[in-house]
């Protein structure tokens, strides 16, 4: 007999909003394995050269799970920032307005009691963004709450 496999789960922002440094985008009460993390531009940015980096914060400290993105200045509706989870210092990919790009499959374990926060460099975005993630629960009853 094979062990049961928990299917991938997803979470999405409650609403689109301007990205500000230290914003919490997801809360993780129990252990998960993060498979994908994408931020999508819903209303266009102005010329502010904001950058985006993702971090995990819990009682043991803060760990960045990506490098800083390229500039999000003048990002059009549909532009996506896709976390490249193959190494903790790898910058996320900023796509064209089509939002299509390749993300290497990798995963990051996020321990119970963590939050995923934004690190916004240069200045707050002017456009609004939504955030999506795909994950696998690593313990019974694991889920993610979106902000």
N, C-alpha and C. Protein backbone atom coordinates (compact mmCIF):
# COMPACT_ATOMS: atom_id res chain seq x y z
N UNK A 1 0.84 -1.18 0.00
CA UNK A 1 0.00 0.00 0.00
C UNK A 1 0.89 1.24 0.00
N UNK A 2 0.51 2.23 -0.77
CA UNK A 2 1.25 3.48 -0.86
C UNK A 2 0.74 4.48 0.18
N UNK A 3 1.64 5.33 0.69
CA UNK A 3 1.17 6.35 1.63
C UNK A 3 0.32 7.38 0.90
N UNK A 4 -0.58 8.02 1.62
CA UNK A 4 -1.40 9.05 0.98
C UNK A 4 -0.53 10.28 0.72
N UNK A 5 -0.84 10.95 -0.36
CA UNK A 5 -0.10 12.14 -0.74
C UNK A 5 -1.06 13.32 -0.67
N UNK A 6 -0.65 14.35 0.05
CA UNK A 6 -1.48 15.54 0.15
C UNK A 6 -1.31 16.36 -1.12
N UNK A 7 -2.40 16.73 -1.78
CA UNK A 7 -2.26 17.53 -3.00
C UNK A 7 -1.78 18.94 -2.67
N UNK A 8 -1.23 19.60 -3.70
CA UNK A 8 -0.80 20.98 -3.53
C UNK A 8 -1.99 21.86 -3.15
N UNK A 9 -1.72 22.86 -2.36
CA UNK A 9 -2.72 23.84 -1.94
C UNK A 9 -2.32 25.20 -2.50
N UNK A 10 -3.26 26.12 -2.55
CA UNK A 10 -2.95 27.47 -3.03
C UNK A 10 -3.51 28.51 -2.06
N UNK A 11 -2.92 29.69 -2.11
CA UNK A 11 -3.42 30.84 -1.34
C UNK A 11 -3.24 32.07 -2.22
N UNK A 12 -4.15 33.03 -2.06
CA UNK A 12 -4.12 34.27 -2.85
C UNK A 12 -4.45 35.44 -1.95
N UNK A 13 -3.83 36.59 -2.21
CA UNK A 13 -4.13 37.82 -1.46
C UNK A 13 -5.62 38.06 -1.40
N UNK A 14 -6.05 38.67 -0.32
CA UNK A 14 -7.46 39.02 -0.17
C UNK A 14 -7.85 40.08 -1.20
N UNK A 15 -6.97 41.07 -1.41
CA UNK A 15 -7.24 42.10 -2.41
C UNK A 15 -5.91 42.67 -2.91
N UNK A 16 -5.96 43.37 -4.03
CA UNK A 16 -4.76 44.01 -4.57
C UNK A 16 -4.47 45.27 -3.77
N UNK A 17 -3.18 45.50 -3.48
CA UNK A 17 -2.81 46.72 -2.76
C UNK A 17 -1.38 47.11 -3.11
N UNK A 18 -1.05 48.35 -2.79
CA UNK A 18 0.30 48.87 -2.95
C UNK A 18 1.25 48.04 -2.09
N UNK A 19 2.46 47.74 -2.60
CA UNK A 19 3.43 46.98 -1.81
C UNK A 19 4.29 47.94 -1.00
N UNK A 20 4.34 47.70 0.30
CA UNK A 20 5.10 48.52 1.24
C UNK A 20 6.09 47.62 1.97
N UNK A 21 7.25 48.14 2.29
CA UNK A 21 8.25 47.36 3.02
C UNK A 21 7.65 46.79 4.30
N UNK A 22 7.96 45.53 4.57
CA UNK A 22 7.55 44.78 5.76
C UNK A 22 6.09 44.35 5.77
N UNK A 23 5.38 44.54 4.66
CA UNK A 23 4.01 44.01 4.57
C UNK A 23 4.01 42.50 4.73
N UNK A 24 3.10 41.98 5.55
CA UNK A 24 2.90 40.53 5.66
C UNK A 24 1.93 40.13 4.56
N UNK A 25 2.33 39.16 3.73
CA UNK A 25 1.42 38.71 2.68
C UNK A 25 0.81 37.34 2.98
N UNK A 26 1.50 36.50 3.76
CA UNK A 26 0.96 35.20 4.14
C UNK A 26 1.39 34.86 5.57
N UNK A 27 0.51 34.16 6.30
CA UNK A 27 0.80 33.66 7.63
C UNK A 27 0.71 32.14 7.60
N UNK A 28 1.69 31.48 8.20
CA UNK A 28 1.80 30.02 8.14
C UNK A 28 1.78 29.46 9.55
N UNK A 29 0.61 28.95 10.04
CA UNK A 29 0.53 28.44 11.41
C UNK A 29 1.20 27.08 11.63
N UNK A 30 1.27 26.24 10.58
CA UNK A 30 1.89 24.92 10.68
C UNK A 30 2.83 24.73 9.50
N UNK A 31 3.77 23.79 9.63
CA UNK A 31 4.80 23.58 8.60
C UNK A 31 4.22 23.33 7.20
N UNK A 32 4.83 24.01 6.22
CA UNK A 32 4.49 23.79 4.81
C UNK A 32 5.76 23.71 3.99
N UNK A 33 5.62 23.24 2.77
CA UNK A 33 6.69 23.26 1.78
C UNK A 33 6.22 24.21 0.68
N UNK A 34 6.87 25.36 0.57
CA UNK A 34 6.52 26.37 -0.43
C UNK A 34 7.04 25.94 -1.79
N UNK A 35 6.14 25.85 -2.77
CA UNK A 35 6.52 25.42 -4.11
C UNK A 35 6.57 26.57 -5.11
N UNK A 36 5.78 27.59 -4.89
CA UNK A 36 5.75 28.70 -5.82
C UNK A 36 5.22 29.96 -5.16
N UNK A 37 5.77 31.11 -5.56
CA UNK A 37 5.37 32.39 -5.01
C UNK A 37 5.43 33.42 -6.13
N UNK A 38 4.29 34.06 -6.41
CA UNK A 38 4.17 34.99 -7.53
C UNK A 38 3.44 36.24 -7.07
N UNK A 39 3.95 37.40 -7.46
CA UNK A 39 3.27 38.68 -7.23
C UNK A 39 2.93 39.25 -8.60
N UNK A 40 1.68 39.71 -8.77
CA UNK A 40 1.22 40.18 -10.07
C UNK A 40 0.72 41.62 -9.98
N UNK A 41 1.16 42.44 -10.93
CA UNK A 41 0.75 43.84 -11.00
C UNK A 41 -0.68 43.94 -11.52
N UNK A 42 -1.55 44.60 -10.75
CA UNK A 42 -2.97 44.73 -11.12
C UNK A 42 -3.27 46.13 -11.65
N UNK A 43 -2.64 47.15 -11.06
CA UNK A 43 -2.71 48.51 -11.62
C UNK A 43 -1.28 48.98 -11.79
N UNK A 44 -0.98 49.64 -12.89
CA UNK A 44 0.39 49.96 -13.29
C UNK A 44 1.14 50.83 -12.28
N UNK A 45 2.45 50.58 -12.19
CA UNK A 45 3.36 51.38 -11.36
C UNK A 45 3.79 52.63 -12.09
N UNK A 46 4.27 53.64 -11.32
CA UNK A 46 4.88 54.80 -11.95
C UNK A 46 6.38 54.55 -12.07
N UNK A 47 7.18 55.61 -12.18
CA UNK A 47 8.62 55.47 -12.43
C UNK A 47 9.46 55.16 -11.19
N UNK A 48 8.85 55.04 -10.00
CA UNK A 48 9.62 54.69 -8.80
C UNK A 48 10.30 53.34 -9.03
N UNK A 49 11.59 53.27 -8.83
CA UNK A 49 12.37 52.06 -9.13
C UNK A 49 12.34 51.07 -7.97
N UNK A 50 11.16 50.73 -7.48
CA UNK A 50 11.01 49.77 -6.38
C UNK A 50 11.58 48.41 -6.76
N UNK A 51 12.06 47.69 -5.77
CA UNK A 51 12.46 46.30 -5.96
C UNK A 51 11.70 45.45 -4.94
N UNK A 52 11.60 44.16 -5.21
CA UNK A 52 10.86 43.24 -4.35
C UNK A 52 11.75 42.07 -3.95
N UNK A 53 11.72 41.76 -2.67
CA UNK A 53 12.41 40.60 -2.12
C UNK A 53 11.44 39.95 -1.13
N UNK A 54 11.50 38.63 -1.01
CA UNK A 54 10.63 37.91 -0.08
C UNK A 54 11.43 37.46 1.13
N UNK A 55 10.82 37.51 2.32
CA UNK A 55 11.48 37.01 3.52
C UNK A 55 10.50 36.23 4.38
N UNK A 56 11.04 35.34 5.19
CA UNK A 56 10.26 34.57 6.16
C UNK A 56 10.68 35.02 7.54
N UNK A 57 9.69 35.34 8.37
CA UNK A 57 9.95 35.84 9.72
C UNK A 57 9.25 34.92 10.72
N UNK A 58 9.99 34.51 11.76
CA UNK A 58 9.40 33.72 12.84
C UNK A 58 10.17 34.00 14.12
N UNK A 59 9.87 33.26 15.17
CA UNK A 59 10.49 33.50 16.47
C UNK A 59 12.01 33.35 16.44
N UNK A 60 12.54 32.64 15.46
CA UNK A 60 13.99 32.43 15.36
C UNK A 60 14.70 33.48 14.54
N UNK A 61 13.95 34.43 13.95
CA UNK A 61 14.59 35.48 13.18
C UNK A 61 13.98 35.65 11.80
N UNK A 62 14.73 36.30 10.93
CA UNK A 62 14.29 36.59 9.56
C UNK A 62 15.25 35.94 8.58
N UNK A 63 14.70 35.27 7.58
CA UNK A 63 15.49 34.66 6.52
C UNK A 63 14.96 35.14 5.18
N UNK A 64 15.81 35.73 4.36
CA UNK A 64 15.35 36.09 3.02
C UNK A 64 15.32 34.82 2.18
N UNK A 65 14.26 34.68 1.39
CA UNK A 65 14.12 33.49 0.54
C UNK A 65 14.26 33.85 -0.93
N UNK A 66 14.69 35.09 -1.19
CA UNK A 66 15.01 35.51 -2.55
C UNK A 66 15.97 36.68 -2.49
N UNK A 67 16.62 36.91 -3.61
CA UNK A 67 17.36 38.16 -3.76
C UNK A 67 16.36 39.25 -4.09
N UNK A 68 16.85 40.45 -4.34
CA UNK A 68 15.97 41.55 -4.74
C UNK A 68 15.71 41.46 -6.25
N UNK A 69 14.49 41.79 -6.64
CA UNK A 69 14.12 41.76 -8.05
C UNK A 69 14.79 42.91 -8.80
N UNK A 70 14.68 42.87 -10.10
CA UNK A 70 15.03 44.03 -10.91
C UNK A 70 14.01 45.12 -10.59
N UNK A 71 14.25 46.31 -11.08
CA UNK A 71 13.36 47.44 -10.84
C UNK A 71 11.94 47.15 -11.34
N UNK A 72 10.97 47.61 -10.54
CA UNK A 72 9.57 47.47 -10.93
C UNK A 72 9.02 48.80 -11.48
N UNK A 73 9.92 49.74 -11.79
CA UNK A 73 9.51 51.03 -12.34
C UNK A 73 8.69 50.81 -13.61
N UNK A 74 7.59 51.51 -13.70
CA UNK A 74 6.71 51.46 -14.88
C UNK A 74 6.18 50.06 -15.19
N UNK A 75 6.10 49.19 -14.18
CA UNK A 75 5.55 47.85 -14.40
C UNK A 75 4.10 47.98 -14.88
N UNK A 76 3.81 47.29 -15.97
CA UNK A 76 2.47 47.35 -16.56
C UNK A 76 1.56 46.32 -15.91
N UNK A 77 0.28 46.49 -16.11
CA UNK A 77 -0.69 45.50 -15.65
C UNK A 77 -0.32 44.15 -16.25
N UNK A 78 -0.28 43.12 -15.43
CA UNK A 78 0.05 41.77 -15.90
C UNK A 78 1.49 41.36 -15.65
N UNK A 79 2.37 42.31 -15.37
CA UNK A 79 3.76 41.96 -15.04
C UNK A 79 3.75 41.13 -13.76
N UNK A 80 4.54 40.08 -13.73
CA UNK A 80 4.63 39.23 -12.55
C UNK A 80 6.06 39.17 -12.04
N UNK A 81 6.19 39.00 -10.73
CA UNK A 81 7.46 38.73 -10.10
C UNK A 81 7.36 37.29 -9.61
N UNK A 82 8.24 36.42 -10.12
CA UNK A 82 8.18 34.99 -9.81
C UNK A 82 9.40 34.59 -9.00
N UNK A 83 9.18 34.11 -7.78
CA UNK A 83 10.28 33.67 -6.92
C UNK A 83 10.98 32.48 -7.57
N UNK A 84 12.30 32.54 -7.60
CA UNK A 84 13.12 31.44 -8.10
C UNK A 84 13.65 30.70 -6.87
N UNK A 85 12.95 29.69 -6.44
CA UNK A 85 13.21 29.06 -5.15
C UNK A 85 14.37 28.07 -5.15
N UNK A 86 15.22 28.14 -6.16
CA UNK A 86 16.34 27.21 -6.25
C UNK A 86 17.48 27.54 -5.30
N UNK A 87 17.58 28.81 -4.87
CA UNK A 87 18.59 29.24 -3.90
C UNK A 87 18.06 30.48 -3.19
N UNK A 88 18.37 30.63 -1.91
CA UNK A 88 17.80 31.72 -1.12
C UNK A 88 18.22 33.10 -1.58
N UNK A 89 19.32 33.23 -2.30
CA UNK A 89 19.80 34.54 -2.74
C UNK A 89 19.45 34.84 -4.19
N UNK A 90 18.76 33.93 -4.88
CA UNK A 90 18.44 34.14 -6.29
C UNK A 90 17.33 35.17 -6.43
N UNK A 91 17.56 36.14 -7.29
CA UNK A 91 16.56 37.19 -7.52
C UNK A 91 15.34 36.61 -8.24
N UNK A 92 14.15 37.09 -7.88
CA UNK A 92 12.96 36.66 -8.62
C UNK A 92 12.98 37.21 -10.04
N UNK A 93 12.30 36.54 -10.92
CA UNK A 93 12.19 36.98 -12.31
C UNK A 93 11.07 37.99 -12.42
N UNK A 94 11.30 39.08 -13.15
CA UNK A 94 10.25 40.05 -13.46
C UNK A 94 9.87 39.79 -14.92
N UNK A 95 8.60 39.45 -15.14
CA UNK A 95 8.15 39.07 -16.47
C UNK A 95 7.71 40.28 -17.28
N UNK A 96 7.42 40.04 -18.54
CA UNK A 96 6.78 41.06 -19.37
C UNK A 96 5.31 41.13 -18.97
N UNK A 97 4.56 41.99 -19.61
CA UNK A 97 3.14 42.15 -19.28
C UNK A 97 2.34 40.88 -19.51
N UNK A 98 2.87 39.94 -20.31
CA UNK A 98 2.16 38.68 -20.52
C UNK A 98 2.14 37.85 -19.24
N UNK A 99 3.10 38.12 -18.33
CA UNK A 99 3.18 37.37 -17.09
C UNK A 99 3.76 35.99 -17.22
N UNK A 100 4.22 35.62 -18.41
CA UNK A 100 4.72 34.26 -18.66
C UNK A 100 6.23 34.22 -18.49
N UNK A 101 6.71 33.28 -17.70
CA UNK A 101 8.13 33.03 -17.55
C UNK A 101 8.30 31.67 -16.89
N UNK A 102 9.52 31.19 -16.89
CA UNK A 102 9.81 29.88 -16.33
C UNK A 102 10.34 30.03 -14.92
N UNK A 103 9.85 29.20 -14.03
CA UNK A 103 10.36 29.15 -12.67
C UNK A 103 10.90 27.74 -12.44
N UNK A 104 12.19 27.62 -12.07
CA UNK A 104 12.70 26.27 -11.82
C UNK A 104 11.99 25.68 -10.62
N UNK A 105 11.65 24.42 -10.71
CA UNK A 105 10.95 23.77 -9.61
C UNK A 105 11.94 23.55 -8.48
N UNK A 106 11.60 24.04 -7.36
CA UNK A 106 12.35 23.83 -6.13
C UNK A 106 11.37 24.10 -5.00
N UNK A 107 11.80 23.97 -3.78
CA UNK A 107 10.88 24.17 -2.66
C UNK A 107 11.64 24.73 -1.46
N UNK A 108 10.91 25.44 -0.61
CA UNK A 108 11.46 26.00 0.61
C UNK A 108 10.55 25.57 1.76
N UNK A 109 11.12 24.97 2.80
CA UNK A 109 10.33 24.61 3.98
C UNK A 109 10.10 25.87 4.79
N UNK A 110 8.83 26.11 5.12
CA UNK A 110 8.45 27.24 5.96
C UNK A 110 7.91 26.67 7.27
N UNK A 111 8.61 26.92 8.39
CA UNK A 111 8.19 26.33 9.66
C UNK A 111 6.94 26.99 10.24
N UNK A 112 6.28 26.25 11.10
CA UNK A 112 5.10 26.75 11.81
C UNK A 112 5.41 28.06 12.51
N UNK A 113 4.42 28.94 12.54
CA UNK A 113 4.56 30.21 13.23
C UNK A 113 5.27 31.28 12.43
N UNK A 114 5.39 31.08 11.13
CA UNK A 114 6.09 32.04 10.28
C UNK A 114 5.13 32.95 9.52
N UNK A 115 5.68 34.05 9.04
CA UNK A 115 4.98 34.90 8.08
C UNK A 115 5.90 35.10 6.89
N UNK A 116 5.30 35.35 5.73
CA UNK A 116 6.07 35.75 4.57
C UNK A 116 5.84 37.24 4.40
N UNK A 117 6.95 37.98 4.40
CA UNK A 117 6.89 39.44 4.32
C UNK A 117 7.58 39.92 3.04
N UNK A 118 7.19 41.12 2.64
CA UNK A 118 7.83 41.79 1.51
C UNK A 118 8.97 42.66 2.01
N UNK A 119 10.04 42.69 1.26
CA UNK A 119 11.11 43.65 1.47
C UNK A 119 11.10 44.52 0.22
N UNK A 120 10.65 45.76 0.37
CA UNK A 120 10.54 46.67 -0.77
C UNK A 120 11.67 47.68 -0.69
N UNK A 121 12.54 47.66 -1.69
CA UNK A 121 13.65 48.60 -1.74
C UNK A 121 13.27 49.85 -2.52
N UNK A 122 13.92 50.94 -2.25
CA UNK A 122 13.77 52.26 -2.89
C UNK A 122 12.54 52.99 -2.39
N UNK A 123 11.37 52.43 -2.57
CA UNK A 123 10.15 53.08 -2.11
C UNK A 123 8.93 52.25 -2.42
N UNK A 124 7.85 52.51 -1.71
CA UNK A 124 6.58 51.82 -1.90
C UNK A 124 6.17 51.86 -3.36
N UNK A 125 5.56 50.79 -3.85
CA UNK A 125 5.06 50.80 -5.22
C UNK A 125 3.85 51.74 -5.32
N UNK A 126 3.58 52.20 -6.50
CA UNK A 126 2.39 53.02 -6.71
C UNK A 126 1.26 52.17 -7.27
N UNK A 127 1.61 51.17 -8.05
CA UNK A 127 0.61 50.23 -8.55
C UNK A 127 0.19 49.26 -7.48
N UNK A 128 -0.92 48.57 -7.70
CA UNK A 128 -1.37 47.56 -6.74
C UNK A 128 -1.01 46.17 -7.26
N UNK A 129 -0.81 45.26 -6.32
CA UNK A 129 -0.33 43.91 -6.62
C UNK A 129 -1.13 42.89 -5.82
N UNK A 130 -1.25 41.69 -6.38
CA UNK A 130 -1.78 40.55 -5.63
C UNK A 130 -0.67 39.50 -5.54
N UNK A 131 -0.80 38.61 -4.58
CA UNK A 131 0.23 37.60 -4.34
C UNK A 131 -0.43 36.23 -4.31
N UNK A 132 0.24 35.27 -4.91
CA UNK A 132 -0.26 33.89 -4.94
C UNK A 132 0.87 32.95 -4.52
N UNK A 133 0.49 31.86 -3.89
CA UNK A 133 1.47 30.83 -3.57
C UNK A 133 0.87 29.44 -3.73
N UNK A 134 1.74 28.49 -4.00
CA UNK A 134 1.39 27.07 -4.04
C UNK A 134 2.25 26.38 -3.01
N UNK A 135 1.64 25.47 -2.25
CA UNK A 135 2.38 24.81 -1.18
C UNK A 135 1.83 23.42 -0.93
N UNK A 136 2.61 22.64 -0.21
CA UNK A 136 2.20 21.31 0.25
C UNK A 136 2.23 21.35 1.78
N UNK A 137 1.14 20.97 2.45
CA UNK A 137 1.16 20.89 3.92
C UNK A 137 2.14 19.80 4.35
N UNK A 138 2.92 20.09 5.39
CA UNK A 138 3.87 19.09 5.90
C UNK A 138 3.39 18.45 7.19
N UNK A 139 2.23 18.89 7.67
CA UNK A 139 1.62 18.26 8.84
C UNK A 139 0.11 18.39 8.73
N UNK A 140 -0.59 17.51 9.43
CA UNK A 140 -2.05 17.53 9.37
C UNK A 140 -2.58 18.89 9.78
N UNK A 141 -3.55 19.39 9.03
CA UNK A 141 -4.20 20.64 9.34
C UNK A 141 -3.43 21.88 8.97
N UNK A 142 -2.29 21.73 8.24
CA UNK A 142 -1.52 22.90 7.83
C UNK A 142 -2.29 23.68 6.77
N UNK A 143 -2.23 24.99 6.88
CA UNK A 143 -2.90 25.87 5.91
C UNK A 143 -2.16 27.20 5.91
N UNK A 144 -2.53 28.07 4.99
CA UNK A 144 -1.93 29.40 4.87
C UNK A 144 -3.05 30.42 4.91
N UNK A 145 -2.82 31.51 5.63
CA UNK A 145 -3.78 32.63 5.63
C UNK A 145 -3.17 33.77 4.82
N UNK A 146 -3.94 34.27 3.88
CA UNK A 146 -3.48 35.39 3.05
C UNK A 146 -3.91 36.71 3.65
N UNK A 147 -3.09 37.72 3.48
CA UNK A 147 -3.42 39.07 3.95
C UNK A 147 -4.06 39.87 2.84
